[in-house]
Every structure is written in C-alpha cells, then in structure tokens.
C-alpha cells in the first residue's frame, strides 16, 4: 500500500485468529515504512472526548488495542479559522474487530472512548521534534460529532 498517495482517512484491514492456544491479532498489509514513533492513549472514563489535534505534515495510524472508540478526522481548509461545518469522517475502532485507521497529513483528529479501559495506539510519521512544530489544537467540541445514536 503506497500510503504517501492516500489523501483521505482510510481503514487498513486487520484480523484476529483464534484457536485452542489463544489468539493472534494481525495486520499483514500494514508496514512500518514511514513510522517514526508510537504512543498509547487511554482516557480516564468511557464517553470522554480527546480532540481536536491537527497536523499539516504529520500522518497518523490508529489501532484500538483495548475496548472501542469513535475516532474522527476532518480535513482542514484554513488552519487559522477552519470551517466549523466541514464534513467529518467518523470511524468506530474496536479491539474485537482489529483494523488500523490512517489519518493523512492535513487533518485534525480526535476520539471518544466508548468503553471503560479503551486504549488506542498511535503510530506517527513524524519524530517528536518534527511534531512540535506541526501541532495545531482546536476545542474538543469545535466539530461535535461525539453523539452516539440510539438504535
């Protein structure tokens, strides 16, 4: 997969294999070619929103390693005053159905834990030093996509 050509948030399929020995979670179509670092984030409670964090140059890969979360990404049209009505891409990531979400450069992202003890692993395409100069924050409810529709 040529990730540097991907211009919109994209799911990279993963899987889980279970047998009498236990389980293996895998993402065989994912490689670490452009990954510079990783970090893990765990909110203190379900329903907590951690958003919005944008980067002009940095891309991110997101994997839910425990629990489930709504992860959202929005393309930024104007970094000084982004369109509050811009279309937001919204994904549900779950450790029970593994996948990796790629968020390309030029997007702001955020997430809301759906379950207690949800933990996300982020893989970044920038070093910490590179990221410090490319870190733009917006209020958590600037794009308020965090409601869960009862069905």
N, C-alpha and C. Protein backbone atom coordinates (compact mmCIF):
# COMPACT_ATOMS: atom_id res chain seq x y z
N UNK A 1 0.85 -1.18 0.00
CA UNK A 1 0.00 0.00 0.00
C UNK A 1 0.89 1.24 0.00
N UNK A 2 0.77 2.10 -0.98
CA UNK A 2 1.55 3.33 -1.06
C UNK A 2 0.86 4.41 -0.25
N UNK A 3 1.21 4.49 1.02
CA UNK A 3 0.50 5.37 1.95
C UNK A 3 0.69 6.85 1.63
N UNK A 4 1.82 7.21 1.05
CA UNK A 4 2.04 8.62 0.75
C UNK A 4 1.11 9.12 -0.35
N UNK A 5 0.39 8.22 -1.01
CA UNK A 5 -0.58 8.61 -2.03
C UNK A 5 -1.99 8.70 -1.47
N UNK A 6 -2.21 8.27 -0.24
CA UNK A 6 -3.54 8.27 0.36
C UNK A 6 -3.85 9.68 0.85
N UNK A 7 -4.96 10.23 0.39
CA UNK A 7 -5.30 11.62 0.70
C UNK A 7 -6.48 11.76 1.65
N UNK A 8 -7.17 10.66 1.97
CA UNK A 8 -8.31 10.71 2.88
C UNK A 8 -8.13 9.64 3.95
N UNK A 9 -8.80 9.79 5.10
CA UNK A 9 -8.70 8.74 6.13
C UNK A 9 -9.13 7.39 5.56
N UNK A 10 -8.33 6.38 5.84
CA UNK A 10 -8.52 5.07 5.23
C UNK A 10 -8.30 3.96 6.25
N UNK A 11 -9.16 2.97 6.21
CA UNK A 11 -9.03 1.80 7.08
C UNK A 11 -8.12 0.78 6.42
N UNK A 12 -7.15 0.28 7.18
CA UNK A 12 -6.30 -0.83 6.75
C UNK A 12 -6.82 -2.05 7.51
N UNK A 13 -7.31 -3.00 6.77
CA UNK A 13 -7.92 -4.18 7.39
C UNK A 13 -6.90 -4.97 8.19
N UNK A 14 -7.34 -5.49 9.30
CA UNK A 14 -6.55 -6.38 10.15
C UNK A 14 -7.43 -7.58 10.44
N UNK A 15 -6.97 -8.42 11.31
CA UNK A 15 -7.76 -9.59 11.62
C UNK A 15 -7.37 -10.19 12.95
N UNK A 16 -8.10 -11.23 13.29
CA UNK A 16 -7.85 -11.95 14.52
C UNK A 16 -8.06 -13.43 14.24
N UNK A 17 -7.13 -14.24 14.68
CA UNK A 17 -7.24 -15.69 14.53
C UNK A 17 -7.26 -16.30 15.93
N UNK A 18 -8.21 -17.18 16.15
CA UNK A 18 -8.38 -17.80 17.45
C UNK A 18 -8.36 -19.31 17.29
N UNK A 19 -7.60 -19.98 18.16
CA UNK A 19 -7.65 -21.44 18.21
C UNK A 19 -7.49 -21.88 19.66
N UNK A 20 -7.23 -23.16 19.88
CA UNK A 20 -7.16 -23.68 21.24
C UNK A 20 -5.96 -23.17 22.03
N UNK A 21 -5.02 -22.50 21.37
CA UNK A 21 -3.86 -21.94 22.07
C UNK A 21 -4.08 -20.50 22.52
N UNK A 22 -5.05 -19.81 21.91
CA UNK A 22 -5.28 -18.41 22.21
C UNK A 22 -5.60 -17.65 20.94
N UNK A 23 -5.10 -16.42 20.84
CA UNK A 23 -5.42 -15.60 19.67
C UNK A 23 -4.21 -14.83 19.18
N UNK A 24 -4.28 -14.46 17.90
CA UNK A 24 -3.28 -13.62 17.26
C UNK A 24 -4.03 -12.50 16.55
N UNK A 25 -3.63 -11.27 16.80
CA UNK A 25 -4.15 -10.11 16.08
C UNK A 25 -3.08 -9.72 15.07
N UNK A 26 -3.49 -9.48 13.82
CA UNK A 26 -2.52 -9.20 12.77
C UNK A 26 -3.03 -8.14 11.81
N UNK A 27 -2.10 -7.47 11.17
CA UNK A 27 -2.39 -6.52 10.08
C UNK A 27 -1.31 -6.75 9.03
N UNK A 28 -1.49 -7.77 8.24
CA UNK A 28 -0.45 -8.19 7.30
C UNK A 28 -0.22 -7.21 6.15
N UNK A 29 -1.18 -6.33 5.88
CA UNK A 29 -0.99 -5.35 4.80
C UNK A 29 -0.43 -4.03 5.31
N UNK A 30 -0.07 -3.98 6.58
CA UNK A 30 0.50 -2.76 7.18
C UNK A 30 2.00 -2.94 7.32
N UNK A 31 2.75 -1.90 6.93
CA UNK A 31 4.20 -1.93 7.19
C UNK A 31 4.58 -0.64 7.92
N UNK A 32 5.73 -0.63 8.50
CA UNK A 32 6.19 0.50 9.30
C UNK A 32 7.11 1.43 8.51
N UNK A 33 6.99 1.42 7.20
CA UNK A 33 7.90 2.16 6.33
C UNK A 33 8.08 3.63 6.73
N UNK A 34 6.99 4.32 7.02
CA UNK A 34 7.10 5.76 7.33
C UNK A 34 6.84 6.09 8.80
N UNK A 35 6.79 5.08 9.66
CA UNK A 35 6.53 5.32 11.09
C UNK A 35 7.83 5.72 11.79
N UNK A 36 7.75 6.81 12.56
CA UNK A 36 8.91 7.32 13.29
C UNK A 36 8.82 7.05 14.80
N UNK A 37 7.59 6.94 15.32
CA UNK A 37 7.40 6.74 16.77
C UNK A 37 5.99 6.25 17.02
N UNK A 38 5.76 5.82 18.25
CA UNK A 38 4.40 5.44 18.63
C UNK A 38 4.13 5.87 20.06
N UNK A 39 2.87 5.99 20.38
CA UNK A 39 2.44 6.27 21.75
C UNK A 39 1.05 5.69 21.95
N UNK A 40 0.71 5.46 23.21
CA UNK A 40 -0.60 4.88 23.54
C UNK A 40 -1.36 5.88 24.40
N UNK A 41 -2.68 5.95 24.19
CA UNK A 41 -3.53 6.89 24.91
C UNK A 41 -4.70 6.12 25.52
N UNK A 42 -4.98 6.42 26.78
CA UNK A 42 -6.09 5.80 27.49
C UNK A 42 -6.80 6.91 28.27
N UNK A 43 -8.08 7.13 27.96
CA UNK A 43 -8.86 8.12 28.70
C UNK A 43 -9.25 7.56 30.06
N UNK A 44 -9.56 8.45 30.99
CA UNK A 44 -9.90 8.01 32.35
C UNK A 44 -11.30 7.42 32.46
N UNK A 45 -12.16 7.64 31.44
CA UNK A 45 -13.51 7.08 31.52
C UNK A 45 -14.12 6.95 30.13
N UNK A 46 -15.11 6.06 30.02
CA UNK A 46 -15.87 5.93 28.78
C UNK A 46 -16.65 7.22 28.55
N UNK A 47 -16.77 7.62 27.29
CA UNK A 47 -17.51 8.83 26.95
C UNK A 47 -16.66 10.09 26.98
N UNK A 48 -15.40 9.97 27.38
CA UNK A 48 -14.52 11.14 27.42
C UNK A 48 -14.00 11.45 26.02
N UNK A 49 -14.04 12.72 25.63
CA UNK A 49 -13.59 13.17 24.31
C UNK A 49 -12.21 13.80 24.43
N UNK A 50 -11.32 13.37 23.56
CA UNK A 50 -9.98 13.95 23.46
C UNK A 50 -9.82 14.42 22.02
N UNK A 51 -9.95 15.74 21.79
CA UNK A 51 -9.94 16.27 20.43
C UNK A 51 -9.70 17.79 20.50
N UNK A 52 -9.45 18.39 19.45
CA UNK A 52 -9.01 18.10 18.11
C UNK A 52 -7.55 18.44 18.00
N UNK A 53 -6.80 17.61 17.31
CA UNK A 53 -5.36 17.72 17.22
C UNK A 53 -4.99 17.60 15.75
N UNK A 54 -4.46 18.68 15.17
CA UNK A 54 -4.19 18.68 13.74
C UNK A 54 -2.72 18.79 13.40
N UNK A 55 -2.42 18.32 12.19
CA UNK A 55 -1.04 18.38 11.67
C UNK A 55 -1.08 18.67 10.18
N UNK A 56 -0.24 19.61 9.74
CA UNK A 56 -0.12 19.90 8.32
C UNK A 56 0.72 18.86 7.59
N UNK A 57 1.75 18.33 8.28
CA UNK A 57 2.71 17.42 7.63
C UNK A 57 2.67 16.00 8.18
N UNK A 58 2.24 15.83 9.41
CA UNK A 58 2.29 14.53 10.07
C UNK A 58 1.05 13.68 9.78
N UNK A 59 1.27 12.43 9.48
CA UNK A 59 0.20 11.46 9.35
C UNK A 59 0.19 10.55 10.57
N UNK A 60 -0.94 9.90 10.82
CA UNK A 60 -1.04 9.01 11.97
C UNK A 60 -1.78 7.74 11.58
N UNK A 61 -1.40 6.66 12.24
CA UNK A 61 -2.10 5.38 12.15
C UNK A 61 -2.65 5.11 13.55
N UNK A 62 -3.89 4.64 13.62
CA UNK A 62 -4.54 4.43 14.91
C UNK A 62 -5.03 2.99 14.99
N UNK A 63 -4.67 2.32 16.08
CA UNK A 63 -5.08 0.94 16.34
C UNK A 63 -5.70 0.89 17.73
N UNK A 64 -6.88 0.33 17.84
CA UNK A 64 -7.52 0.14 19.14
C UNK A 64 -7.00 -1.18 19.71
N UNK A 65 -6.27 -1.11 20.81
CA UNK A 65 -5.71 -2.32 21.40
C UNK A 65 -6.56 -2.86 22.54
N UNK A 66 -7.47 -2.04 23.07
CA UNK A 66 -8.39 -2.49 24.10
C UNK A 66 -9.65 -1.64 24.04
N UNK A 67 -10.82 -2.26 24.18
CA UNK A 67 -12.07 -1.52 24.20
C UNK A 67 -12.52 -1.10 22.82
N UNK A 68 -13.15 0.08 22.75
CA UNK A 68 -13.66 0.61 21.49
C UNK A 68 -13.72 2.13 21.58
N UNK A 69 -13.62 2.78 20.42
CA UNK A 69 -13.64 4.25 20.39
C UNK A 69 -14.22 4.74 19.07
N UNK A 70 -14.84 5.92 19.13
CA UNK A 70 -15.16 6.67 17.93
C UNK A 70 -13.94 7.52 17.64
N UNK A 71 -13.39 7.38 16.44
CA UNK A 71 -12.24 8.19 16.01
C UNK A 71 -12.72 9.02 14.83
N UNK A 72 -12.44 10.31 14.88
CA UNK A 72 -12.92 11.22 13.84
C UNK A 72 -11.75 12.00 13.24
N UNK A 73 -11.91 12.37 11.97
CA UNK A 73 -10.89 13.15 11.28
C UNK A 73 -11.58 14.15 10.37
N UNK A 74 -11.03 15.35 10.31
CA UNK A 74 -11.61 16.40 9.47
C UNK A 74 -10.49 17.09 8.70
N UNK A 75 -10.70 17.24 7.39
CA UNK A 75 -9.73 17.94 6.53
C UNK A 75 -9.79 19.42 6.87
N UNK A 76 -8.65 20.02 7.11
CA UNK A 76 -8.59 21.44 7.49
C UNK A 76 -8.40 22.29 6.24
N UNK A 77 -9.34 23.21 6.03
CA UNK A 77 -9.29 24.10 4.87
C UNK A 77 -8.54 25.39 5.17
N UNK A 78 -8.59 25.83 6.43
CA UNK A 78 -7.96 27.07 6.84
C UNK A 78 -7.49 26.87 8.27
N UNK A 79 -6.19 26.78 8.48
CA UNK A 79 -5.65 26.45 9.81
C UNK A 79 -5.91 27.54 10.84
N UNK A 80 -6.07 28.79 10.41
CA UNK A 80 -6.35 29.87 11.35
C UNK A 80 -7.82 29.89 11.79
N UNK A 81 -8.71 29.56 10.87
CA UNK A 81 -10.15 29.53 11.18
C UNK A 81 -10.82 28.48 10.31
N UNK A 82 -10.75 27.21 10.73
CA UNK A 82 -11.34 26.15 9.91
C UNK A 82 -12.86 26.22 9.86
N UNK A 83 -13.41 25.66 8.80
CA UNK A 83 -14.85 25.61 8.59
C UNK A 83 -15.49 24.71 9.65
N UNK A 84 -16.30 25.29 10.52
CA UNK A 84 -16.97 24.54 11.59
C UNK A 84 -18.02 23.58 11.03
N UNK A 85 -18.40 23.76 9.76
CA UNK A 85 -19.38 22.87 9.13
C UNK A 85 -18.73 21.87 8.16
N UNK A 86 -17.42 21.75 8.23
CA UNK A 86 -16.73 20.82 7.34
C UNK A 86 -17.19 19.39 7.62
N UNK A 87 -17.16 18.58 6.57
CA UNK A 87 -17.54 17.17 6.72
C UNK A 87 -16.49 16.44 7.55
N UNK A 88 -16.95 15.67 8.53
CA UNK A 88 -16.06 14.92 9.42
C UNK A 88 -16.20 13.43 9.10
N UNK A 89 -15.07 12.77 8.91
CA UNK A 89 -15.06 11.32 8.74
C UNK A 89 -15.04 10.70 10.14
N UNK A 90 -15.94 9.75 10.37
CA UNK A 90 -16.12 9.16 11.70
C UNK A 90 -16.00 7.64 11.57
N UNK A 91 -15.21 7.04 12.45
CA UNK A 91 -14.96 5.60 12.41
C UNK A 91 -15.13 5.04 13.82
N UNK A 92 -15.56 3.80 13.90
CA UNK A 92 -15.57 3.08 15.18
C UNK A 92 -14.47 2.04 15.10
N UNK A 93 -13.51 2.15 15.99
CA UNK A 93 -12.44 1.16 16.08
C UNK A 93 -12.68 0.32 17.33
N UNK A 94 -12.46 -0.99 17.20
CA UNK A 94 -12.68 -1.90 18.31
C UNK A 94 -11.59 -2.95 18.34
N UNK A 95 -11.16 -3.29 19.54
CA UNK A 95 -10.17 -4.36 19.70
C UNK A 95 -10.76 -5.70 19.28
N UNK A 96 -12.09 -5.82 19.28
CA UNK A 96 -12.74 -7.07 18.90
C UNK A 96 -12.79 -7.27 17.38
N UNK A 97 -12.60 -6.20 16.62
CA UNK A 97 -12.54 -6.28 15.16
C UNK A 97 -11.37 -5.40 14.71
N UNK A 98 -10.16 -5.93 14.80
CA UNK A 98 -8.96 -5.11 14.58
C UNK A 98 -8.89 -4.49 13.19
N UNK A 99 -8.49 -3.23 13.16
CA UNK A 99 -8.18 -2.51 11.93
C UNK A 99 -7.31 -1.31 12.32
N UNK A 100 -6.64 -0.77 11.34
CA UNK A 100 -5.79 0.40 11.57
C UNK A 100 -6.35 1.53 10.71
N UNK A 101 -6.57 2.66 11.33
CA UNK A 101 -7.05 3.84 10.62
C UNK A 101 -5.87 4.73 10.29
N UNK A 102 -5.70 5.06 9.00
CA UNK A 102 -4.67 6.01 8.59
C UNK A 102 -5.31 7.38 8.46
N UNK A 103 -4.73 8.37 9.16
CA UNK A 103 -5.17 9.77 9.06
C UNK A 103 -4.03 10.53 8.39
N UNK A 104 -4.24 10.99 7.15
CA UNK A 104 -3.15 11.64 6.42
C UNK A 104 -2.85 13.05 6.94
N UNK A 105 -1.72 13.60 6.54
CA UNK A 105 -1.42 14.99 6.86
C UNK A 105 -2.53 15.90 6.35
N UNK A 106 -2.72 17.04 7.03
CA UNK A 106 -3.74 18.00 6.61
C UNK A 106 -5.06 17.82 7.32
N UNK A 107 -5.12 16.91 8.26
CA UNK A 107 -6.34 16.61 9.00
C UNK A 107 -6.14 16.89 10.49
N UNK A 108 -7.25 17.19 11.16
CA UNK A 108 -7.31 17.20 12.62
C UNK A 108 -8.04 15.92 13.02
N UNK A 109 -7.68 15.38 14.16
CA UNK A 109 -8.31 14.14 14.61
C UNK A 109 -8.64 14.20 16.09
N UNK A 110 -9.50 13.30 16.51
CA UNK A 110 -9.85 13.18 17.90
C UNK A 110 -10.56 11.86 18.13
N UNK A 111 -10.80 11.55 19.40
CA UNK A 111 -11.52 10.31 19.68
C UNK A 111 -12.30 10.41 20.97
N UNK A 112 -13.30 9.52 21.08
CA UNK A 112 -14.09 9.36 22.29
C UNK A 112 -14.09 7.89 22.65
N UNK A 113 -13.72 7.59 23.89
CA UNK A 113 -13.76 6.21 24.37
C UNK A 113 -15.21 5.76 24.47
N UNK A 114 -15.49 4.57 23.97
CA UNK A 114 -16.83 4.01 24.07
C UNK A 114 -16.95 3.01 25.21
N UNK A 115 -15.84 2.52 25.69
CA UNK A 115 -15.83 1.51 26.75
C UNK A 115 -14.78 1.89 27.80
N UNK A 116 -15.01 1.44 28.99
CA UNK A 116 -14.03 1.63 30.05
C UNK A 116 -12.73 0.93 29.65
N UNK A 117 -11.61 1.53 29.98
CA UNK A 117 -10.28 0.96 29.70
C UNK A 117 -9.93 0.89 28.22
N UNK A 118 -10.59 1.70 27.40
CA UNK A 118 -10.22 1.77 25.99
C UNK A 118 -8.81 2.32 25.88
N UNK A 119 -8.01 1.71 25.00
CA UNK A 119 -6.65 2.17 24.78
C UNK A 119 -6.36 2.17 23.29
N UNK A 120 -5.87 3.31 22.79
CA UNK A 120 -5.51 3.44 21.39
C UNK A 120 -4.00 3.57 21.27
N UNK A 121 -3.46 2.94 20.23
CA UNK A 121 -2.04 3.07 19.92
C UNK A 121 -1.94 3.90 18.65
N UNK A 122 -1.15 4.97 18.72
CA UNK A 122 -0.92 5.86 17.60
C UNK A 122 0.50 5.65 17.08
N UNK A 123 0.62 5.49 15.76
CA UNK A 123 1.92 5.45 15.10
C UNK A 123 2.02 6.72 14.28
N UNK A 124 3.09 7.48 14.47
CA UNK A 124 3.25 8.78 13.83
C UNK A 124 4.31 8.74 12.74
N UNK A 125 4.08 9.54 11.69
CA UNK A 125 5.05 9.65 10.61
C UNK A 125 6.09 10.73 10.87
N UNK A 126 6.01 11.39 12.04
CA UNK A 126 6.96 12.44 12.40
C UNK A 126 7.65 12.11 13.72
N UNK A 127 8.86 12.58 13.85
CA UNK A 127 9.53 12.47 15.14
C UNK A 127 8.86 13.45 16.11
N UNK A 128 9.17 13.34 17.38
CA UNK A 128 8.60 14.26 18.36
C UNK A 128 9.04 15.70 18.06
N UNK A 129 10.28 15.89 17.68
CA UNK A 129 10.77 17.23 17.34
C UNK A 129 10.03 17.80 16.14
N UNK A 130 9.83 17.00 15.10
CA UNK A 130 9.09 17.45 13.91
C UNK A 130 7.64 17.77 14.27
N UNK A 131 7.06 16.98 15.13
CA UNK A 131 5.66 17.16 15.51
C UNK A 131 5.45 18.44 16.31
N UNK A 132 6.41 18.82 17.12
CA UNK A 132 6.28 20.03 17.94
C UNK A 132 6.06 21.27 17.08
N UNK A 133 6.63 21.32 15.91
CA UNK A 133 6.44 22.46 15.02
C UNK A 133 5.24 22.32 14.10
N UNK A 134 4.48 21.26 14.29
CA UNK A 134 3.36 20.94 13.40
C UNK A 134 2.18 20.45 14.23
N UNK A 135 1.86 21.19 15.27
CA UNK A 135 0.86 20.75 16.26
C UNK A 135 -0.16 21.86 16.46
N UNK A 136 -1.35 21.67 15.89
CA UNK A 136 -2.40 22.69 15.96
C UNK A 136 -3.59 22.09 16.70
N UNK A 137 -4.09 22.81 17.71
CA UNK A 137 -5.19 22.31 18.54
C UNK A 137 -6.44 23.15 18.32
N UNK A 138 -7.58 22.48 18.41
CA UNK A 138 -8.90 23.11 18.34
C UNK A 138 -9.73 22.59 19.50
N UNK A 139 -10.75 23.33 19.95
CA UNK A 139 -11.59 22.87 21.07
C UNK A 139 -12.26 21.52 20.77
N UNK A 140 -12.46 20.74 21.82
CA UNK A 140 -12.99 19.38 21.70
C UNK A 140 -14.35 19.31 21.00
N UNK A 141 -15.15 20.35 21.11
CA UNK A 141 -16.49 20.34 20.51
C UNK A 141 -16.59 21.26 19.28
N UNK A 142 -15.43 21.66 18.72
CA UNK A 142 -15.45 22.51 17.52
C UNK A 142 -16.24 21.83 16.41
N UNK A 143 -15.97 20.56 16.20
CA UNK A 143 -16.80 19.68 15.37
C UNK A 143 -17.38 18.68 16.35
N UNK A 144 -18.64 18.81 16.66
CA UNK A 144 -19.24 18.00 17.72
C UNK A 144 -19.90 16.76 17.13
N UNK A 145 -19.10 15.76 16.88
CA UNK A 145 -19.56 14.52 16.25
C UNK A 145 -19.59 13.36 17.24
N UNK A 146 -19.68 13.67 18.50
CA UNK A 146 -19.46 12.67 19.55
C UNK A 146 -20.73 12.01 20.07
N UNK A 147 -21.87 12.34 19.51
CA UNK A 147 -23.11 11.72 19.96
C UNK A 147 -23.21 10.29 19.40
N UNK A 148 -23.68 9.38 20.25
CA UNK A 148 -23.93 8.02 19.81
C UNK A 148 -25.43 7.88 19.62
N UNK A 149 -25.83 7.57 18.39
CA UNK A 149 -27.26 7.47 18.07
C UNK A 149 -27.82 6.17 18.61
N UNK A 150 -28.90 6.29 19.38
CA UNK A 150 -29.56 5.10 19.88
C UNK A 150 -30.34 4.44 18.75
N UNK A 151 -30.19 3.15 18.59
CA UNK A 151 -30.89 2.43 17.53
C UNK A 151 -31.58 1.23 18.13
